[in-house]
Amino acid sequence: MGVSNKITALLNFTSLLCSIAIIAAGIWLASKPDNECVHWLRWPIVLIGVLILLVSLAGFVGAYWNRQGLLAFYLICMALLIILLLIVLVLAFVVTRPNGEYSVPGRSFHEYRLAGFSSWLRNHLTNSGNWGKIRACLAESDVCSKLSLEYVSVDQFFAAHLSPLQSGCCKPPTICGYQYANPTMWINPVNPMSDVDCSIWNNDPNQLCYGCDSCKAGLLGNLRKEWRKANVILIVAVVVLIWVYLIACSALKNAQTEELFRRYKEGWV
């Protein structure tokens, strides 16, 4: 195996490691309660990572055993996958840029306005066709039920750093003026007409605020927070993949030059 092929094989091993990081980020996203309920957002990153893994293996085999066909396949497919990953990254940044979060006096947690988030996310996740299934999935999860085990007193609860999903779905909006009984039971609203969600709140564990706009906003807030974290890993991975790809192209070109020179030298001799 020539020097250039050795370099290409090493570079493909590096891209293989990047694919593992991408798969890990995708699995982390898929494991979150909100992503478990939004099925079509669960696996695209994992799928891209697996494809990069397979293409990297093909490139490694092609470089190690000098299979030009596999190397050509690697270069074409890797270029397409990098472009696809860049598109996903740009889309993720665009749709997660708006933030409906706002602070509440006397509370450590934040609350969320649905109108503050991307219209694309609102239209695709919180429309009437999708929200029924998402709502049922959230009600079956332990997102809200575990709060009663973690917080006992009202002071503990108001000092808690709730996730956007918990803040939006497990309690009524603060503006309603409900009195705290426990994290998922609230009574006697002071301002029942101050927000449309005030009349929707229900102490039934299967209902709570799952039908509220604040719950929809909380879901989008959770997705935004998680995708922003995952994007850090994806950005590093895509930068490394681009550099690996460019160096691999140069190494492959050098390998072809070495092969032509070897054949010319053998023919000359």
Protein backbone atom coordinates (compact mmCIF):
# COMPACT_ATOMS: atom_id res chain seq x y z
CA MET A 1 0.00 0.00 0.00
CA GLY A 2 1.43 3.39 -1.06
CA VAL A 3 1.89 6.35 1.25
CA SER A 4 -1.09 8.19 -0.22
CA ASN A 5 -3.34 5.18 0.27
CA LYS A 6 -2.17 4.88 3.87
CA ILE A 7 -3.12 8.52 4.44
CA THR A 8 -6.52 7.96 2.83
CA ALA A 9 -7.14 4.89 5.02
CA LEU A 10 -6.24 6.89 8.15
CA LEU A 11 -8.51 9.73 7.09
CA ASN A 12 -11.39 7.32 6.56
CA PHE A 13 -10.81 5.96 10.05
CA THR A 14 -11.13 9.55 11.30
CA SER A 15 -14.43 10.03 9.43
CA LEU A 16 -15.59 6.72 10.93
CA LEU A 17 -15.00 8.17 14.41
CA CYS A 18 -16.97 11.28 13.39
CA SER A 19 -19.87 9.07 12.28
CA ILE A 20 -19.91 7.43 15.72
CA ALA A 21 -20.16 10.88 17.34
CA ILE A 22 -23.05 11.78 15.00
CA ILE A 23 -24.85 8.50 15.80
CA ALA A 24 -24.35 9.14 19.54
CA ALA A 25 -25.85 12.64 19.18
CA GLY A 26 -28.80 11.19 17.27
CA ILE A 27 -29.42 8.49 19.87
CA TRP A 28 -29.23 11.11 22.64
CA LEU A 29 -31.87 13.18 20.84
CA ALA A 30 -34.07 10.15 20.21
CA SER A 31 -33.95 9.17 23.90
CA LYS A 32 -35.53 12.42 25.10
CA PRO A 33 -39.22 12.26 26.12
CA ASP A 34 -40.29 14.95 23.66
CA ASN A 35 -38.53 13.28 20.73
CA GLU A 36 -40.09 9.95 21.69
CA CYS A 37 -43.45 11.62 21.04
CA VAL A 38 -42.37 13.38 17.83
CA HIS A 39 -41.49 10.28 15.85
CA TRP A 40 -40.32 11.83 12.58
CA LEU A 41 -37.66 13.87 14.41
CA ARG A 42 -36.17 10.89 16.22
CA TRP A 43 -33.94 9.14 13.71
CA PRO A 44 -32.70 11.38 10.84
CA ILE A 45 -29.40 12.18 12.58
CA VAL A 46 -28.85 8.51 13.47
CA LEU A 47 -29.56 7.51 9.86
CA ILE A 48 -27.08 10.07 8.48
CA GLY A 49 -24.47 8.88 10.98
CA VAL A 50 -24.94 5.24 9.98
CA LEU A 51 -24.63 6.13 6.28
CA ILE A 52 -21.40 8.05 6.96
CA LEU A 53 -20.13 5.05 8.93
CA LEU A 54 -20.81 2.66 6.04
CA VAL A 55 -19.31 5.00 3.44
CA SER A 56 -16.22 5.53 5.64
CA LEU A 57 -15.77 1.76 5.91
CA ALA A 58 -16.00 1.47 2.13
CA GLY A 59 -13.37 4.21 1.76
CA PHE A 60 -11.11 2.54 4.31
CA VAL A 61 -11.31 -0.83 2.53
CA GLY A 62 -10.79 0.83 -0.84
CA ALA A 63 -7.70 2.69 0.37
CA TYR A 64 -6.20 -0.22 2.32
CA TRP A 65 -6.55 -2.73 -0.51
CA ASN A 66 -6.23 -0.15 -3.31
CA ARG A 67 -9.72 -0.62 -4.74
CA GLN A 68 -10.22 2.40 -6.98
CA GLY A 69 -13.91 1.66 -7.50
CA LEU A 70 -14.61 1.76 -3.75
CA LEU A 71 -12.61 4.98 -3.40
CA ALA A 72 -14.63 6.62 -6.16
CA PHE A 73 -17.85 5.41 -4.46
CA TYR A 74 -16.57 6.84 -1.17
CA LEU A 75 -15.81 10.28 -2.63
CA ILE A 76 -19.19 10.61 -4.36
CA CYS A 77 -21.28 9.37 -1.44
CA MET A 78 -19.33 11.29 1.21
CA ALA A 79 -19.79 14.53 -0.74
CA LEU A 80 -23.56 13.93 -0.85
CA LEU A 81 -23.72 13.06 2.85
CA ILE A 82 -21.73 16.16 3.87
CA ILE A 83 -24.11 18.31 1.82
CA LEU A 84 -27.10 16.55 3.45
CA LEU A 85 -25.64 17.09 6.92
CA LEU A 86 -25.03 20.77 6.15
CA ILE A 87 -28.66 21.15 5.01
CA VAL A 88 -29.89 19.55 8.25
CA LEU A 89 -27.64 21.85 10.30
CA VAL A 90 -28.79 25.01 8.52
CA LEU A 91 -32.43 23.98 8.82
CA ALA A 92 -31.97 23.17 12.53
CA PHE A 93 -30.38 26.57 13.19
CA VAL A 94 -33.05 28.46 11.26
CA VAL A 95 -36.06 26.79 12.89
CA THR A 96 -34.59 26.84 16.42
CA ARG A 97 -33.44 30.46 16.34
CA PRO A 98 -36.73 32.06 17.54
CA ASN A 99 -37.24 31.59 21.27
CA GLY A 100 -40.57 31.92 23.08
CA GLU A 101 -39.00 31.79 26.54
CA TYR A 102 -39.74 34.47 29.15
CA SER A 103 -38.91 34.80 32.85
CA VAL A 104 -41.48 34.86 35.65
CA PRO A 105 -40.90 37.00 38.78
CA GLY A 106 -40.29 34.89 41.86
CA ARG A 107 -39.72 31.72 39.87
CA SER A 108 -36.47 29.99 38.90
CA PHE A 109 -38.09 28.30 35.91
CA HIS A 110 -39.14 30.03 32.70
CA GLU A 111 -42.42 29.91 30.83
CA TYR A 112 -43.00 29.84 27.07
CA ARG A 113 -45.18 31.55 24.48
CA LEU A 114 -46.17 29.53 21.43
CA ALA A 115 -46.06 32.58 19.16
CA GLY A 116 -42.39 33.11 20.02
CA PHE A 117 -41.23 30.00 18.20
CA SER A 118 -40.62 29.25 14.54
CA SER A 119 -43.79 29.20 12.46
CA TRP A 120 -42.42 26.14 10.63
CA LEU A 121 -42.17 24.20 13.90
CA ARG A 122 -45.60 25.38 15.02
CA ASN A 123 -47.21 24.37 11.74
CA HIS A 124 -45.59 20.93 11.63
CA LEU A 125 -45.75 19.89 15.30
CA THR A 126 -48.63 21.67 17.01
CA ASN A 127 -51.30 21.52 14.31
CA SER A 128 -54.53 19.66 15.01
CA GLY A 129 -53.45 16.68 12.95
CA ASN A 130 -50.30 15.99 14.97
CA TRP A 131 -50.94 17.35 18.43
CA GLY A 132 -53.54 14.73 19.40
CA LYS A 133 -50.99 11.91 19.13
CA ILE A 134 -48.22 13.96 20.77
CA ARG A 135 -50.55 14.94 23.62
CA ALA A 136 -51.53 11.32 24.26
CA CYS A 137 -47.87 10.28 24.23
CA LEU A 138 -46.90 13.01 26.71
CA ALA A 139 -49.75 12.03 29.04
CA GLU A 140 -48.46 8.44 29.12
CA SER A 141 -44.90 9.53 29.92
CA ASP A 142 -43.47 10.33 33.35
CA VAL A 143 -42.61 13.93 32.45
CA CYS A 144 -45.09 15.33 34.97
CA SER A 145 -45.65 12.47 37.40
CA LYS A 146 -42.04 12.45 38.59
CA LEU A 147 -42.29 16.09 39.71
CA SER A 148 -44.32 15.08 42.77
CA LEU A 149 -41.45 12.82 43.84
CA GLU A 150 -38.82 15.52 43.41
CA TYR A 151 -40.53 18.56 44.97
CA VAL A 152 -42.63 18.65 48.12
CA SER A 153 -42.98 22.26 49.28
CA VAL A 154 -44.05 25.26 47.24
CA ASP A 155 -40.68 26.93 47.87
CA GLN A 156 -38.85 23.92 46.46
CA PHE A 157 -41.05 23.92 43.40
CA PHE A 158 -40.73 27.64 42.68
CA ALA A 159 -36.94 27.35 43.05
CA ALA A 160 -36.79 24.38 40.66
CA HIS A 161 -35.23 24.62 37.21
CA LEU A 162 -38.00 22.87 35.29
CA SER A 163 -37.53 21.77 31.72
CA PRO A 164 -39.58 23.70 29.13
CA LEU A 165 -41.82 20.63 28.75
CA GLN A 166 -42.48 20.41 32.50
CA SER A 167 -43.07 24.14 32.81
CA GLY A 168 -45.54 24.22 29.95
CA CYS A 169 -47.43 20.95 30.42
CA CYS A 170 -47.36 20.06 34.13
CA LYS A 171 -48.67 23.26 35.70
CA PRO A 172 -50.95 26.15 34.74
CA PRO A 173 -49.41 29.45 33.56
CA THR A 174 -48.37 31.67 36.47
CA ILE A 175 -50.51 34.52 35.17
CA CYS A 176 -53.63 32.51 36.00
CA GLY A 177 -52.93 32.86 39.73
CA TYR A 178 -53.61 29.24 40.70
CA GLN A 179 -52.68 28.25 44.26
CA TYR A 180 -50.09 25.51 44.68
CA ALA A 181 -51.20 22.21 46.24
CA ASN A 182 -48.50 20.00 44.72
CA PRO A 183 -46.55 20.12 41.44
CA THR A 184 -49.48 18.75 39.42
CA MET A 185 -52.43 19.97 41.49
CA TRP A 186 -53.43 23.63 41.55
CA ILE A 187 -56.65 25.25 42.84
CA ASN A 188 -58.75 28.45 42.76
CA PRO A 189 -57.38 30.59 39.93
CA VAL A 190 -57.26 34.31 40.73
CA ASN A 191 -57.40 35.42 37.08
CA PRO A 192 -59.28 32.65 35.25
CA MET A 193 -59.79 34.81 32.15
CA SER A 194 -56.26 36.23 31.88
CA ASP A 195 -55.13 33.51 29.48
CA VAL A 196 -56.97 30.93 27.38
CA ASP A 197 -54.89 28.19 29.06
CA CYS A 198 -56.32 29.11 32.49
CA SER A 199 -59.65 27.45 31.68
CA ILE A 200 -58.00 24.45 30.02
CA TRP A 201 -55.94 23.40 33.07
CA ASN A 202 -57.28 20.27 34.76
CA ASN A 203 -55.96 18.47 37.86
CA ASP A 204 -56.65 15.11 36.20
CA PRO A 205 -53.14 13.56 35.70
CA ASN A 206 -54.19 12.53 32.19
CA GLN A 207 -55.15 16.08 31.24
CA LEU A 208 -53.19 18.70 33.24
CA CYS A 209 -52.18 21.31 30.65
CA TYR A 210 -51.54 18.90 27.77
CA GLY A 211 -54.16 20.75 25.73
CA CYS A 212 -52.68 24.18 26.49
CA ASP A 213 -50.72 26.41 24.14
CA SER A 214 -48.15 26.62 26.94
CA CYS A 215 -47.59 22.85 26.62
CA LYS A 216 -47.11 23.15 22.87
CA ALA A 217 -44.65 25.98 23.50
CA GLY A 218 -42.90 23.86 26.14
CA LEU A 219 -42.46 21.03 23.65
CA LEU A 220 -40.93 23.42 21.13
CA GLY A 221 -38.74 24.89 23.87
CA ASN A 222 -37.46 21.43 24.77
CA LEU A 223 -36.77 20.57 21.13
CA ARG A 224 -34.96 23.88 20.64
CA LYS A 225 -32.76 23.34 23.71
CA GLU A 226 -31.86 19.76 22.77
CA TRP A 227 -31.16 20.44 19.09
CA ARG A 228 -28.98 23.42 20.00
CA LYS A 229 -26.84 21.11 22.15
CA ALA A 230 -26.69 18.42 19.47
CA ASN A 231 -25.75 21.03 16.85
CA VAL A 232 -22.45 21.68 18.65
CA ILE A 233 -21.40 18.06 18.07
CA LEU A 234 -22.71 18.11 14.50
CA ILE A 235 -20.81 21.30 13.64
CA VAL A 236 -17.52 19.85 14.90
CA ALA A 237 -18.21 16.61 13.04
CA VAL A 238 -19.06 18.29 9.74
CA VAL A 239 -15.97 20.55 9.90
CA VAL A 240 -13.75 17.49 10.48
CA LEU A 241 -15.52 15.58 7.70
CA ILE A 242 -14.98 18.42 5.22
CA TRP A 243 -11.26 18.61 6.02
CA VAL A 244 -10.96 14.82 5.85
CA TYR A 245 -12.75 14.80 2.51
CA LEU A 246 -10.53 17.51 1.01
CA ILE A 247 -7.34 15.82 2.20
CA ALA A 248 -8.63 12.44 1.00
CA CYS A 249 -9.26 13.91 -2.47
CA SER A 250 -5.69 15.19 -2.56
CA ALA A 251 -4.31 11.88 -1.28
CA LEU A 252 -6.31 9.93 -3.87
CA LYS A 253 -5.01 12.17 -6.63
CA ASN A 254 -1.47 11.57 -5.40
CA ALA A 255 -2.14 7.82 -5.26
CA GLN A 256 -3.26 7.85 -8.88
CA THR A 257 -0.14 9.81 -9.85
CA GLU A 258 2.04 7.30 -7.97
CA GLU A 259 0.33 4.43 -9.80
CA LEU A 260 0.82 6.04 -13.19
CA PHE A 261 4.48 6.74 -12.39
CA ARG A 262 4.99 3.13 -11.24
CA ARG A 263 3.46 1.75 -14.43
CA TYR A 264 5.49 4.14 -16.55
CA LYS A 265 8.69 3.16 -14.73
CA GLU A 266 7.93 -0.57 -15.13
CA GLY A 267 7.24 -0.04 -18.80
CA TRP A 268 10.44 1.96 -19.21
CA VAL A 269 12.49 -0.73 -17.50
